[in-house]
Protein backbone atom coordinates (compact mmCIF):
# COMPACT_ATOMS: atom_id res chain seq x y z
CA MET A 1 115.63 112.58 129.54
CA THR A 2 118.28 109.86 129.45
CA ILE A 3 117.92 106.37 128.09
CA ASN A 4 119.28 103.49 130.12
CA PHE A 5 120.49 101.18 127.36
CA SER A 6 120.74 98.25 129.79
CA ASP A 7 116.92 98.27 129.91
CA TYR A 8 116.76 97.28 126.24
CA PRO A 9 118.10 94.12 124.59
CA CYS A 10 119.86 94.19 121.24
CA GLU A 11 117.14 93.76 118.63
CA PHE A 12 119.24 91.22 116.71
CA CYS A 13 121.08 89.01 119.20
CA GLY A 14 119.41 89.72 122.55
CA LYS A 15 122.52 90.94 124.39
CA THR A 16 122.30 94.13 126.43
CA SER A 17 122.19 97.10 124.05
CA THR A 18 124.85 99.79 124.20
CA ASN A 19 123.88 101.87 121.18
CA PHE A 20 120.85 103.24 119.36
CA VAL A 21 121.67 103.39 115.66
CA TYR A 22 119.50 103.24 112.54
CA ALA A 23 116.40 103.40 114.78
CA ALA A 24 117.34 100.20 116.61
CA PHE A 25 118.78 99.28 119.98
CA VAL A 26 121.95 97.29 119.29
CA CYS A 27 124.97 95.91 121.12
CA ASP A 28 128.61 96.64 120.16
CA ASP A 29 128.79 93.73 117.72
CA PRO A 30 129.54 95.10 114.22
CA GLU A 31 127.28 92.41 112.70
CA CYS A 32 124.28 93.65 114.71
CA ILE A 33 125.01 97.25 113.72
CA GLU A 34 125.22 96.19 110.07
CA LYS A 35 121.91 94.30 110.37
CA ALA A 36 120.30 97.44 111.77
CA ARG A 37 121.68 99.48 108.86
CA VAL A 38 120.42 96.99 106.27
CA GLU A 39 116.98 96.72 107.90
CA ARG A 40 116.63 100.50 108.01
CA GLY A 41 117.94 101.00 104.49
CA GLY A 42 121.04 102.93 105.55
CA PRO A 43 121.18 106.62 106.37
CA GLY A 44 118.09 108.21 104.91
CA GLY A 45 116.44 104.82 104.41
CA HIS A 46 113.15 106.19 105.69
CA MET A 47 113.21 108.88 102.98
CA LYS A 48 113.97 106.25 100.33
CA ARG A 49 110.95 104.24 101.51
CA LYS A 50 108.79 107.37 101.42
CA ALA A 51 109.89 108.13 97.85
CA GLU A 52 108.98 104.56 96.87
CA GLY A 53 105.48 105.10 98.27
CA LYS A 54 106.07 102.72 101.19
CA PRO A 55 105.48 103.49 104.87
CA ILE A 56 108.55 105.02 106.50
CA ILE A 57 108.36 102.59 109.42
CA PRO A 58 109.29 99.06 108.27
CA LEU A 59 106.74 96.41 109.17
CA ASP A 60 108.12 93.85 111.61
CA SER A 61 105.54 91.19 112.41
CA GLU A 62 104.46 88.30 110.21
CA ASP A 63 100.83 89.40 110.56
CA SER A 64 101.55 92.86 109.23
CA ARG A 65 103.47 91.44 106.24
CA LYS A 66 100.37 89.52 105.15
CA ASN A 67 98.35 92.73 104.73
């Protein structure tokens, strides 16, 4: 199965994505890639969250942050 990146916008700026890094569709802009890294917690960020007793999938919406 192949992924057509042009079907997905960059999660940070809205441009057409060209990469999937740190569990995010991103464009080639280094700033967007860095934002994805920071949001994820870097390589192994999901394991760090698990060790802290947090869910491994970061919560995105305002409604879910209130809970």
